[in-house]
PDB file of N, CA and C in Angstrom:
ATOM      1  N   MET A   1     114.254  72.525 163.598  1.00  0.00           N
ATOM      2  CA  MET A   1     114.205  73.697 164.451  1.00  0.00           C
ATOM      3  C   MET A   1     113.901  74.908 163.588  1.00  0.00           C
ATOM      4  N   ASN A   2     113.114  75.795 164.134  1.00  0.00           N
ATOM      5  CA  ASN A   2     112.717  76.971 163.375  1.00  0.00           C
ATOM      6  C   ASN A   2     113.443  78.189 163.923  1.00  0.00           C
ATOM      7  N   ARG A   3     114.437  78.637 163.222  1.00  0.00           N
ATOM      8  CA  ARG A   3     115.207  79.810 163.635  1.00  0.00           C
ATOM      9  C   ARG A   3     114.972  80.917 162.628  1.00  0.00           C
ATOM     10  N   ALA A   4     114.922  82.116 163.119  1.00  0.00           N
ATOM     11  CA  ALA A   4     114.738  83.255 162.225  1.00  0.00           C
ATOM     12  C   ALA A   4     115.887  83.306 161.231  1.00  0.00           C
ATOM     13  N   PRO A   5     115.578  83.295 159.927  1.00  0.00           N
ATOM     14  CA  PRO A   5     116.630  83.300 158.913  1.00  0.00           C
ATOM     15  C   PRO A   5     117.574  84.487 159.038  1.00  0.00           C
ATOM     16  N   ASP A   6     117.063  85.648 159.452  1.00  0.00           N
ATOM     17  CA  ASP A   6     117.929  86.818 159.533  1.00  0.00           C
ATOM     18  C   ASP A   6     119.009  86.664 160.598  1.00  0.00           C
ATOM     19  N   VAL A   7     118.739  85.912 161.668  1.00  0.00           N
ATOM     20  CA  VAL A   7     119.747  85.665 162.698  1.00  0.00           C
ATOM     21  C   VAL A   7     120.884  84.830 162.115  1.00  0.00           C
ATOM     22  N   LEU A   8     120.535  83.777 161.417  1.00  0.00           N
ATOM     23  CA  LEU A   8     121.560  82.938 160.799  1.00  0.00           C
ATOM     24  C   LEU A   8     122.276  83.675 159.670  1.00  0.00           C
ATOM     25  N   ASP A   9     121.533  84.444 158.893  1.00  0.00           N
ATOM     26  CA  ASP A   9     122.162  85.212 157.811  1.00  0.00           C
ATOM     27  C   ASP A   9     123.216  86.155 158.364  1.00  0.00           C
ATOM     28  N   ALA A  10     122.875  86.869 159.429  1.00  0.00           N
ATOM     29  CA  ALA A  10     123.818  87.813 160.033  1.00  0.00           C
ATOM     30  C   ALA A  10     125.028  87.079 160.606  1.00  0.00           C
ATOM     31  N   ALA A  11     124.785  85.950 161.246  1.00  0.00           N
ATOM     32  CA  ALA A  11     125.894  85.193 161.835  1.00  0.00           C
ATOM     33  C   ALA A  11     126.819  84.652 160.752  1.00  0.00           C
ATOM     34  N   PHE A  12     126.261  84.055 159.704  1.00  0.00           N
ATOM     35  CA  PHE A  12     127.100  83.518 158.632  1.00  0.00           C
ATOM     36  C   PHE A  12     127.845  84.631 157.895  1.00  0.00           C
ATOM     37  N   ALA A  13     127.203  85.777 157.700  1.00  0.00           N
ATOM     38  CA  ALA A  13     127.881  86.903 157.061  1.00  0.00           C
ATOM     39  C   ALA A  13     129.064  87.356 157.917  1.00  0.00           C
ATOM     40  N   ALA A  14     128.856  87.408 159.223  1.00  0.00           N
ATOM     41  CA  ALA A  14     129.942  87.801 160.122  1.00  0.00           C
ATOM     42  C   ALA A  14     131.058  86.766 160.110  1.00  0.00           C
ATOM     43  N   LEU A  15     130.704  85.491 160.080  1.00  0.00           N
ATOM     44  CA  LEU A  15     131.701  84.418 160.106  1.00  0.00           C
ATOM     45  C   LEU A  15     132.435  84.257 158.784  1.00  0.00           C
ATOM     46  N   ALA A  16     131.944  84.879 157.737  1.00  0.00           N
ATOM     47  CA  ALA A  16     132.572  84.743 156.418  1.00  0.00           C
ATOM     48  C   ALA A  16     133.936  85.416 156.352  1.00  0.00           C
ATOM     49  N   ASP A  17     134.196  86.329 157.245  1.00  0.00           N
ATOM     50  CA  ASP A  17     135.451  87.078 157.208  1.00  0.00           C
ATOM     51  C   ASP A  17     136.491  86.450 158.134  1.00  0.00           C
ATOM     52  N   PRO A  18     137.701  86.189 157.641  1.00  0.00           N
ATOM     53  CA  PRO A  18     138.725  85.536 158.478  1.00  0.00           C
ATOM     54  C   PRO A  18     139.166  86.373 159.677  1.00  0.00           C
ATOM     55  N   THR A  19     139.154  87.690 159.546  1.00  0.00           N
ATOM     56  CA  THR A  19     139.522  88.533 160.688  1.00  0.00           C
ATOM     57  C   THR A  19     138.499  88.391 161.806  1.00  0.00           C
ATOM     58  N   ARG A  20     137.228  88.367 161.440  1.00  0.00           N
ATOM     59  CA  ARG A  20     136.181  88.223 162.458  1.00  0.00           C
ATOM     60  C   ARG A  20     136.243  86.846 163.109  1.00  0.00           C
ATOM     61  N   ARG A  21     136.546  85.821 162.323  1.00  0.00           N
ATOM     62  CA  ARG A  21     136.708  84.484 162.928  1.00  0.00           C
ATOM     63  C   ARG A  21     137.888  84.474 163.894  1.00  0.00           C
ATOM     64  N   ALA A  22     138.962  85.166 163.531  1.00  0.00           N
ATOM     65  CA  ALA A  22     140.130  85.239 164.416  1.00  0.00           C
ATOM     66  C   ALA A  22     139.772  85.980 165.709  1.00  0.00           C
ATOM     67  N   ILE A  23     139.002  87.039 165.599  1.00  0.00           N
ATOM     68  CA  ILE A  23     138.560  87.775 166.787  1.00  0.00           C
ATOM     69  C   ILE A  23     137.743  86.864 167.698  1.00  0.00           C
ATOM     70  N   LEU A  24     136.850  86.081 167.104  1.00  0.00           N
ATOM     71  CA  LEU A  24     136.056  85.148 167.908  1.00  0.00           C
ATOM     72  C   LEU A  24     136.946  84.116 168.600  1.00  0.00           C
ATOM     73  N   SER A  25     137.999  83.676 167.924  1.00  0.00           N
ATOM     74  CA  SER A  25     138.934  82.726 168.537  1.00  0.00           C
ATOM     75  C   SER A  25     139.620  83.343 169.749  1.00  0.00           C
ATOM     76  N   ILE A  26     139.968  84.608 169.636  1.00  0.00           N
ATOM     77  CA  ILE A  26     140.583  85.304 170.775  1.00  0.00           C
ATOM     78  C   ILE A  26     139.579  85.402 171.923  1.00  0.00           C
ATOM     79  N   LEU A  27     138.350  85.767 171.596  1.00  0.00           N
ATOM     80  CA  LEU A  27     137.331  85.917 172.630  1.00  0.00           C
ATOM     81  C   LEU A  27     136.933  84.580 173.253  1.00  0.00           C
ATOM     82  N   ALA A  28     137.182  83.487 172.566  1.00  0.00           N
ATOM     83  CA  ALA A  28     136.903  82.166 173.145  1.00  0.00           C
ATOM     84  C   ALA A  28     137.802  81.917 174.356  1.00  0.00           C
ATOM     85  N   GLN A  29     138.919  82.633 174.427  1.00  0.00           N
ATOM     86  CA  GLN A  29     139.830  82.511 175.566  1.00  0.00           C
ATOM     87  C   GLN A  29     139.374  83.370 176.750  1.00  0.00           C
ATOM     88  N   GLY A  30     138.504  84.337 176.487  1.00  0.00           N
ATOM     89  CA  GLY A  30     138.017  85.224 177.541  1.00  0.00           C
ATOM     90  C   GLY A  30     137.745  86.611 176.986  1.00  0.00           C
ATOM     91  N   ASP A  31     137.088  87.424 177.788  1.00  0.00           N
ATOM     92  CA  ASP A  31     136.761  88.788 177.380  1.00  0.00           C
ATOM     93  C   ASP A  31     138.035  89.570 177.081  1.00  0.00           C
ATOM     94  N   ALA A  32     137.909  90.538 176.177  1.00  0.00           N
ATOM     95  CA  ALA A  32     139.062  91.350 175.792  1.00  0.00           C
ATOM     96  C   ALA A  32     138.602  92.740 175.390  1.00  0.00           C
ATOM     97  N   THR A  33     139.496  93.685 175.561  1.00  0.00           N
ATOM     98  CA  THR A  33     139.213  95.054 175.135  1.00  0.00           C
ATOM     99  C   THR A  33     139.490  95.177 173.634  1.00  0.00           C
ATOM    100  N   VAL A  34     139.049  96.278 173.055  1.00  0.00           N
ATOM    101  CA  VAL A  34     139.288  96.522 171.636  1.00  0.00           C
ATOM    102  C   VAL A  34     140.786  96.554 171.357  1.00  0.00           C
ATOM    103  N   SER A  35     141.546  97.190 172.232  1.00  0.00           N
ATOM    104  CA  SER A  35     143.001  97.257 172.045  1.00  0.00           C
ATOM    105  C   SER A  35     143.623  95.869 172.058  1.00  0.00           C
ATOM    106  N   GLU A  36     143.175  95.019 172.966  1.00  0.00           N
ATOM    107  CA  GLU A  36     143.694  93.650 173.032  1.00  0.00           C
ATOM    108  C   GLU A  36     143.328  92.861 171.780  1.00  0.00           C
ATOM    109  N   LEU A  37     142.127  93.098 171.280  1.00  0.00           N
ATOM    110  CA  LEU A  37     141.693  92.390 170.075  1.00  0.00           C
ATOM    111  C   LEU A  37     142.425  92.898 168.835  1.00  0.00           C
ATOM    112  N   ALA A  38     142.782  94.164 168.832  1.00  0.00           N
ATOM    113  CA  ALA A  38     143.449  94.761 167.673  1.00  0.00           C
ATOM    114  C   ALA A  38     144.922  94.381 167.592  1.00  0.00           C
ATOM    115  N   ALA A  39     145.534  94.042 168.720  1.00  0.00           N
ATOM    116  CA  ALA A  39     146.977  93.807 168.786  1.00  0.00           C
ATOM    117  C   ALA A  39     147.511  92.831 167.733  1.00  0.00           C
ATOM    118  N   PRO A  40     146.878  91.675 167.498  1.00  0.00           N
ATOM    119  CA  PRO A  40     147.459  90.727 166.531  1.00  0.00           C
ATOM    120  C   PRO A  40     147.305  91.127 165.066  1.00  0.00           C
ATOM    121  N   PHE A  41     146.556  92.165 164.782  1.00  0.00           N
ATOM    122  CA  PHE A  41     146.239  92.512 163.400  1.00  0.00           C
ATOM    123  C   PHE A  41     146.989  93.763 162.961  1.00  0.00           C
ATOM    124  N   SER A  42     147.378  93.785 161.710  1.00  0.00           N
ATOM    125  CA  SER A  42     148.029  94.970 161.155  1.00  0.00           C
ATOM    126  C   SER A  42     146.976  95.809 160.440  1.00  0.00           C
ATOM    127  N   MET A  43     146.073  96.362 161.253  1.00  0.00           N
ATOM    128  CA  MET A  43     145.028  97.238 160.717  1.00  0.00           C
ATOM    129  C   MET A  43     144.748  98.328 161.735  1.00  0.00           C
ATOM    130  N   SER A  44     144.096  99.356 161.280  1.00  0.00           N
ATOM    131  CA  SER A  44     143.798 100.493 162.151  1.00  0.00           C
ATOM    132  C   SER A  44     142.732 100.119 163.176  1.00  0.00           C
ATOM    133  N   MET A  45     142.680 100.892 164.247  1.00  0.00           N
ATOM    134  CA  MET A  45     141.641 100.684 165.264  1.00  0.00           C
ATOM    135  C   MET A  45     140.238 100.875 164.671  1.00  0.00           C
ATOM    136  N   PRO A  46     140.026 101.880 163.795  1.00  0.00           N
ATOM    137  CA  PRO A  46     138.697 101.992 163.195  1.00  0.00           C
ATOM    138  C   PRO A  46     138.306 100.746 162.384  1.00  0.00           C
ATOM    139  N   ALA A  47     139.280 100.124 161.717  1.00  0.00           N
ATOM    140  CA  ALA A  47     138.976  98.907 160.949  1.00  0.00           C
ATOM    141  C   ALA A  47     138.572  97.770 161.888  1.00  0.00           C
ATOM    142  N   VAL A  48     139.288  97.631 162.998  1.00  0.00           N
ATOM    143  CA  VAL A  48     138.940  96.601 163.989  1.00  0.00           C
ATOM    144  C   VAL A  48     137.565  96.897 164.569  1.00  0.00           C
ATOM    145  N   SER A  49     137.307  98.156 164.848  1.00  0.00           N
ATOM    146  CA  SER A  49     135.998  98.550 165.385  1.00  0.00           C
ATOM    147  C   SER A  49     134.862  98.195 164.431  1.00  0.00           C
ATOM    148  N   LYS A  50     135.097  98.350 163.134  1.00  0.00           N
ATOM    149  CA  LYS A  50     134.073  97.972 162.151  1.00  0.00           C
ATOM    150  C   LYS A  50     133.793  96.474 162.225  1.00  0.00           C
ATOM    151  N   HIS A  51     134.841  95.667 162.345  1.00  0.00           N
ATOM    152  CA  HIS A  51     134.653  94.218 162.478  1.00  0.00           C
ATOM    153  C   HIS A  51     133.858  93.906 163.745  1.00  0.00           C
ATOM    154  N   LEU A  52     134.167  94.593 164.822  1.00  0.00           N
ATOM    155  CA  LEU A  52     133.460  94.361 166.082  1.00  0.00           C
ATOM    156  C   LEU A  52     131.992  94.750 165.975  1.00  0.00           C
ATOM    157  N   LYS A  53     131.703  95.811 165.239  1.00  0.00           N
ATOM    158  CA  LYS A  53     130.309  96.225 165.048  1.00  0.00           C
ATOM    159  C   LYS A  53     129.527  95.161 164.284  1.00  0.00           C
ATOM    160  N   VAL A  54     130.154  94.558 163.283  1.00  0.00           N
ATOM    161  CA  VAL A  54     129.493  93.490 162.530  1.00  0.00           C
ATOM    162  C   VAL A  54     129.229  92.298 163.449  1.00  0.00           C
ATOM    163  N   LEU A  55     130.227  91.928 164.242  1.00  0.00           N
ATOM    164  CA  LEU A  55     130.060  90.802 165.167  1.00  0.00           C
ATOM    165  C   LEU A  55     128.994  91.101 166.214  1.00  0.00           C
ATOM    166  N   GLU A  56     128.954  92.325 166.684  1.00  0.00           N
ATOM    167  CA  GLU A  56     127.948  92.700 167.681  1.00  0.00           C
ATOM    168  C   GLU A  56     126.546  92.708 167.067  1.00  0.00           C
ATOM    169  N   ALA A  57     126.421  93.247 165.858  1.00  0.00           N
ATOM    170  CA  ALA A  57     125.120  93.282 165.180  1.00  0.00           C
ATOM    171  C   ALA A  57     124.600  91.880 164.890  1.00  0.00           C
ATOM    172  N   SER A  58     125.515  90.937 164.683  1.00  0.00           N
ATOM    173  CA  SER A  58     125.107  89.559 164.410  1.00  0.00           C
ATOM    174  C   SER A  58     124.736  88.806 165.680  1.00  0.00           C
ATOM    175  N   GLY A  59     125.050  89.384 166.827  1.00  0.00           N
ATOM    176  CA  GLY A  59     124.753  88.730 168.095  1.00  0.00           C
ATOM    177  C   GLY A  59     125.838  87.779 168.557  1.00  0.00           C
ATOM    178  N   LEU A  60     126.954  87.720 167.820  1.00  0.00           N
ATOM    179  CA  LEU A  60     128.024  86.793 168.197  1.00  0.00           C
ATOM    180  C   LEU A  60     128.880  87.330 169.336  1.00  0.00           C
ATOM    181  N   ILE A  61     128.911  88.643 169.512  1.00  0.00           N
ATOM    182  CA  ILE A  61     129.607  89.223 170.654  1.00  0.00           C
ATOM    183  C   ILE A  61     128.727  90.295 171.280  1.00  0.00           C
ATOM    184  N   SER A  62     129.073  90.658 172.502  1.00  0.00           N
ATOM    185  CA  SER A  62     128.437  91.796 173.159  1.00  0.00           C
ATOM    186  C   SER A  62     129.540  92.629 173.787  1.00  0.00           C
ATOM    187  N   ARG A  63     129.203  93.864 174.060  1.00  0.00           N
ATOM    188  CA  ARG A  63     130.163  94.753 174.725  1.00  0.00           C
ATOM    189  C   ARG A  63     129.507  95.301 175.980  1.00  0.00           C
ATOM    190  N   THR A  64     130.275  95.303 177.045  1.00  0.00           N
ATOM    191  CA  THR A  64     129.790  95.851 178.298  1.00  0.00           C
ATOM    192  C   THR A  64     130.661  97.047 178.666  1.00  0.00           C
ATOM    193  N   ARG A  65     130.187  97.819 179.589  1.00  0.00           N
ATOM    194  CA  ARG A  65     130.969  98.970 180.046  1.00  0.00           C
ATOM    195  C   ARG A  65     131.470  98.653 181.440  1.00  0.00           C
ATOM    196  N   ASN A  66     132.771  98.776 181.605  1.00  0.00           N
ATOM    197  CA  ASN A  66     133.413  98.556 182.887  1.00  0.00           C
ATOM    198  C   ASN A  66     134.339  99.743 183.118  1.00  0.00           C
ATOM    199  N   ALA A  67     133.841 100.730 183.855  1.00  0.00           N
ATOM    200  CA  ALA A  67     134.551 102.003 184.054  1.00  0.00           C
ATOM    201  C   ALA A  67     134.811 102.620 182.683  1.00  0.00           C
ATOM    202  N   GLN A  68     136.071 102.814 182.314  1.00  0.00           N
ATOM    203  CA  GLN A  68     136.365 103.412 181.013  1.00  0.00           C
ATOM    204  C   GLN A  68     136.641 102.370 179.934  1.00  0.00           C
ATOM    205  N   PHE A  69     136.548 101.117 180.286  1.00  0.00           N
ATOM    206  CA  PHE A  69     136.783 100.040 179.322  1.00  0.00           C
ATOM    207  C   PHE A  69     135.458  99.484 178.818  1.00  0.00           C
ATOM    208  N   ARG A  70     135.475  99.003 177.578  1.00  0.00           N
ATOM    209  CA  ARG A  70     134.297  98.339 177.012  1.00  0.00           C
ATOM    210  C   ARG A  70     134.728  96.964 176.528  1.00  0.00           C
ATOM    211  N   PRO A  71     134.883  96.004 177.452  1.00  0.00           N
ATOM    212  CA  PRO A  71     135.336  94.679 177.037  1.00  0.00           C
ATOM    213  C   PRO A  71     134.311  93.984 176.133  1.00  0.00           C
ATOM    214  N   CYS A  72     134.830  93.204 175.209  1.00  0.00           N
ATOM    215  CA  CYS A  72     133.994  92.416 174.315  1.00  0.00           C
ATOM    216  C   CYS A  72     133.859  91.018 174.894  1.00  0.00           C
ATOM    217  N   HIS A  73     132.710  90.431 174.670  1.00  0.00           N
ATOM    218  CA  HIS A  73     132.393  89.126 175.238  1.00  0.00           C
ATOM    219  C   HIS A  73     131.796  88.232 174.145  1.00  0.00           C
ATOM    220  N   LEU A  74     132.289  87.017 174.041  1.00  0.00           N
ATOM    221  CA  LEU A  74     131.752  86.055 173.081  1.00  0.00           C
ATOM    222  C   LEU A  74     130.394  85.571 173.562  1.00  0.00           C
ATOM    223  N   GLU A  75     129.398  85.657 172.721  1.00  0.00           N
ATOM    224  CA  GLU A  75     128.055  85.162 173.044  1.00  0.00           C
ATOM    225  C   GLU A  75     127.944  83.724 172.548  1.00  0.00           C
ATOM    226  N   ARG A  76     128.293  82.808 173.411  1.00  0.00           N
ATOM    227  CA  ARG A  76     128.348  81.390 173.041  1.00  0.00           C
ATOM    228  C   ARG A  76     126.992  80.846 172.585  1.00  0.00           C
ATOM    229  N   ALA A  77     125.922  81.345 173.152  1.00  0.00           N
ATOM    230  CA  ALA A  77     124.593  80.869 172.755  1.00  0.00           C
ATOM    231  C   ALA A  77     124.329  81.166 171.282  1.00  0.00           C
ATOM    232  N   SER A  78     124.751  82.327 170.816  1.00  0.00           N
ATOM    233  CA  SER A  78     124.568  82.666 169.401  1.00  0.00           C
ATOM    234  C   SER A  78     125.424  81.771 168.512  1.00  0.00           C
ATOM    235  N   LEU A  79     126.634  81.498 168.959  1.00  0.00           N
ATOM    236  CA  LEU A  79     127.502  80.600 168.201  1.00  0.00           C
ATOM    237  C   LEU A  79     126.935  79.178 168.214  1.00  0.00           C
ATOM    238  N   ASP A  80     126.338  78.787 169.329  1.00  0.00           N
ATOM    239  CA  ASP A  80     125.699  77.472 169.420  1.00  0.00           C
ATOM    240  C   ASP A  80     124.526  77.356 168.442  1.00  0.00           C
ATOM    241  N   THR A  81     123.807  78.453 168.235  1.00  0.00           N
ATOM    242  CA  THR A  81     122.694  78.453 167.286  1.00  0.00           C
ATOM    243  C   THR A  81     123.203  78.118 165.883  1.00  0.00           C
ATOM    244  N   VAL A  82     124.314  78.704 165.513  1.00  0.00           N
ATOM    245  CA  VAL A  82     124.924  78.429 164.207  1.00  0.00           C
ATOM    246  C   VAL A  82     125.370  76.965 164.154  1.00  0.00           C
ATOM    247  N   GLY A  83     126.026  76.508 165.211  1.00  0.00           N
ATOM    248  CA  GLY A  83     126.489  75.117 165.268  1.00  0.00           C
ATOM    249  C   GLY A  83     125.337  74.128 165.196  1.00  0.00           C
ATOM    250  N   ASP A  84     124.237  74.441 165.870  1.00  0.00           N
ATOM    251  CA  ASP A  84     123.062  73.563 165.832  1.00  0.00           C
ATOM    252  C   ASP A  84     122.496  73.463 164.416  1.00  0.00           C
ATOM    253  N   TRP A  85     122.433  74.588 163.728  1.00  0.00           N
ATOM    254  CA  TRP A  85     121.923  74.595 162.352  1.00  0.00           C
ATOM    255  C   TRP A  85     122.815  73.742 161.458  1.00  0.00           C
ATOM    256  N   ILE A  86     124.120  73.921 161.601  1.00  0.00           N
ATOM    257  CA  ILE A  86     125.067  73.138 160.808  1.00  0.00           C
ATOM    258  C   ILE A  86     124.914  71.651 161.121  1.00  0.00           C
ATOM    259  N   GLU A  87     124.797  71.313 162.388  1.00  0.00           N
ATOM    260  CA  GLU A  87     124.669  69.907 162.788  1.00  0.00           C
ATOM    261  C   GLU A  87     123.400  69.267 162.221  1.00  0.00           C
ATOM    262  N   GLU A  88     122.285  70.004 162.253  1.00  0.00           N
ATOM    263  CA  GLU A  88     121.037  69.487 161.680  1.00  0.00           C
ATOM    264  C   GLU A  88     121.222  69.123 160.207  1.00  0.00           C
ATOM    265  N   HIS A  89     121.848  70.016 159.476  1.00  0.00           N
ATOM    266  CA  HIS A  89     122.033  69.793 158.044  1.00  0.00           C
ATOM    267  C   HIS A  89     123.104  68.743 157.762  1.00  0.00           C
ATOM    268  N   ARG A  90     124.098  68.657 158.621  1.00  0.00           N
ATOM    269  CA  ARG A  90     125.121  67.618 158.465  1.00  0.00           C
ATOM    270  C   ARG A  90     124.495  66.238 158.594  1.00  0.00           C
ATOM    271  N   LYS A  91     123.585  66.081 159.549  1.00  0.00           N
ATOM    272  CA  LYS A  91     122.920  64.793 159.743  1.00  0.00           C
ATOM    273  C   LYS A  91     122.099  64.408 158.511  1.00  0.00           C
ATOM    274  N   VAL A  92     121.392  65.368 157.957  1.00  0.00           N
ATOM    275  CA  VAL A  92     120.586  65.104 156.754  1.00  0.00           C
ATOM    276  C   VAL A  92     121.490  64.644 155.618  1.00  0.00           C
ATOM    277  N   TRP A  93     122.580  65.380 155.385  1.00  0.00           N
ATOM    278  CA  TRP A  93     123.464  65.037 154.270  1.00  0.00           C
ATOM    279  C   TRP A  93     124.239  63.756 154.533  1.00  0.00           C
ATOM    280  N   ASP A  94     124.598  63.483 155.772  1.00  0.00           N
ATOM    281  CA  ASP A  94     125.246  62.201 156.080  1.00  0.00           C
ATOM    282  C   ASP A  94     124.322  61.047 155.717  1.00  0.00           C
ATOM    283  N   GLY A  95     123.040  61.174 156.075  1.00  0.00           N
ATOM    284  CA  GLY A  95     122.076  60.128 155.743  1.00  0.00           C
ATOM    285  C   GLY A  95     121.921  59.952 154.244  1.00  0.00           C
ATOM    286  N   ARG A  96     121.844  61.051 153.527  1.00  0.00           N
ATOM    287  CA  ARG A  96     121.706  60.978 152.066  1.00  0.00           C
ATOM    288  C   ARG A  96     122.944  60.353 151.422  1.00  0.00           C
ATOM    289  N   LEU A  97     124.103  60.745 151.892  1.00  0.00           N
ATOM    290  CA  LEU A  97     125.333  60.183 151.328  1.00  0.00           C
ATOM    291  C   LEU A  97     125.493  58.708 151.676  1.00  0.00           C
ATOM    292  N   ASP A  98     125.072  58.319 152.865  1.00  0.00           N
ATOM    293  CA  ASP A  98     125.116  56.905 153.238  1.00  0.00           C
ATOM    294  C   ASP A  98     124.207  56.078 152.331  1.00  0.00           C
ATOM    295  N   ARG A  99     123.001  56.593 152.050  1.00  0.00           N
ATOM    296  CA  ARG A  99     122.079  55.886 151.157  1.00  0.00           C
ATOM    297  C   ARG A  99     122.636  55.817 149.735  1.00  0.00           C
ATOM    298  N   LEU A 100     123.241  56.898 149.272  1.00  0.00           N
ATOM    299  CA  LEU A 100     123.855  56.888 147.951  1.00  0.00           C
ATOM    300  C   LEU A 100     125.000  55.888 147.893  1.00  0.00           C
ATOM    301  N   ASP A 101     125.821  55.859 148.913  1.00  0.00           N
ATOM    302  CA  ASP A 101     126.933  54.919 148.980  1.00  0.00           C
ATOM    303  C   ASP A 101     126.423  53.481 148.930  1.00  0.00           C
ATOM    304  N   GLN A 102     125.368  53.198 149.690  1.00  0.00           N
ATOM    305  CA  GLN A 102     124.794  51.850 149.692  1.00  0.00           C
ATOM    306  C   GLN A 102     124.245  51.491 148.310  1.00  0.00           C
ATOM    307  N   HIS A 103     123.570  52.423 147.679  1.00  0.00           N
ATOM    308  CA  HIS A 103     123.008  52.185 146.351  1.00  0.00           C
ATOM    309  C   HIS A 103     124.119  51.906 145.336  1.00  0.00           C
ATOM    310  N   LEU A 104     125.199  52.690 145.400  1.00  0.00           N
ATOM    311  CA  LEU A 104     126.312  52.481 144.472  1.00  0.00           C
ATOM    312  C   LEU A 104     126.994  51.129 144.699  1.00  0.00           C
ATOM    313  N   LYS A 105     127.089  50.722 145.955  1.00  0.00           N
ATOM    314  CA  LYS A 105     127.658  49.396 146.247  1.00  0.00           C
ATOM    315  C   LYS A 105     126.781  48.292 145.668  1.00  0.00           C
ATOM    316  N   GLU A 106     125.457  48.470 145.797  1.00  0.00           N
ATOM    317  CA  GLU A 106     124.529  47.485 145.240  1.00  0.00           C
ATOM    318  C   GLU A 106     124.632  47.443 143.724  1.00  0.00           C
ATOM    319  N   LEU A 107     124.750  48.593 143.095  1.00  0.00           N
ATOM    320  CA  LEU A 107     124.908  48.629 141.641  1.00  0.00           C
ATOM    321  C   LEU A 107     126.198  47.925 141.220  1.00  0.00           C
ATOM    322  N   LYS A 108     127.252  48.172 141.951  1.00  0.00           N
ATOM    323  CA  LYS A 108     128.553  47.590 141.634  1.00  0.00           C
ATOM    324  C   LYS A 108     128.505  46.073 141.723  1.00  0.00           C
ATOM    325  N   HIS A 109     127.765  45.565 142.672  1.00  0.00           N
ATOM    326  CA  HIS A 109     127.682  44.116 142.865  1.00  0.00           C
ATOM    327  C   HIS A 109     126.495  43.497 142.129  1.00  0.00           C
ATOM    328  N   GLY A 110     125.814  44.306 141.321  1.00  0.00           N
ATOM    329  CA  GLY A 110     124.729  43.787 140.495  1.00  0.00           C
ATOM    330  C   GLY A 110     123.464  43.446 141.238  1.00  0.00           C
ATOM    331  N   LYS A 111     123.285  43.988 142.438  1.00  0.00           N
ATOM    332  CA  LYS A 111     122.102  43.656 143.234  1.00  0.00           C
ATOM    333  C   LYS A 111     120.937  44.581 142.933  1.00  0.00           C
ATOM    334  N   ALA A 112     121.197  45.788 142.553  1.00  0.00           N
ATOM    335  CA  ALA A 112     120.119  46.737 142.286  1.00  0.00           C
ATOM    336  C   ALA A 112     119.416  46.343 141.009  1.00  0.00           C
ATOM    337  N   GLY A 113     118.124  46.368 141.039  1.00  0.00           N
ATOM    338  CA  GLY A 113     117.333  46.107 139.846  1.00  0.00           C
ATOM    339  C   GLY A 113     117.104  44.637 139.531  1.00  0.00           C
ATOM    340  N   GLN A 114     117.628  43.720 140.317  1.00  0.00           N
ATOM    341  CA  GLN A 114     117.436  42.299 140.024  1.00  0.00           C
ATOM    342  C   GLN A 114     116.002  41.870 140.233  1.00  0.00           C
ATOM    343  N   ASP A 115     115.284  42.531 141.105  1.00  0.00           N
ATOM    344  CA  ASP A 115     113.889  42.164 141.333  1.00  0.00           C
ATOM    345  C   ASP A 115     112.931  43.022 140.526  1.00  0.00           C
ATOM    346  N   GLY A 116     113.478  43.722 139.537  1.00  0.00           N
ATOM    347  CA  GLY A 116     112.643  44.547 138.661  1.00  0.00           C
ATOM    348  C   GLY A 116     112.519  45.977 139.133  1.00  0.00           C
ATOM    349  N   THR A 117     113.143  46.308 140.276  1.00  0.00           N
ATOM    350  CA  THR A 117     113.117  47.687 140.758  1.00  0.00           C
ATOM    351  C   THR A 117     114.484  48.298 140.627  1.00  0.00           C
ATOM    352  N   GLN A 118     114.518  49.583 140.806  1.00  0.00           N
ATOM    353  CA  GLN A 118     115.815  50.280 140.761  1.00  0.00           C
ATOM    354  C   GLN A 118     116.043  51.088 141.974  1.00  0.00           C
TER     355      GLN A 118
END
């Protein structure tokens, strides 16, 4: 799959921070206001707002306006894009590790190289 590297870069940069991952976990339960998202953390509202700006810039969350509230919403499609990328690479590495495991088993049992190949 061909995904714009900057989209994945922004998402992974946002996911690198444990506070932002915790915010996403809260939003997985449903939309929440900034105050609701800030409640579990011992940090200032401006600090929480900075985390939300990073998540919004990465496309992992969006904010809507509902009267005087601006609830945050988890953008599952963006998170799915990250998951799809990880899954693609996991499959590649699983295959490589399976082949390595098979080769090592053959070496251990003396089967590799018996026909003149390695």
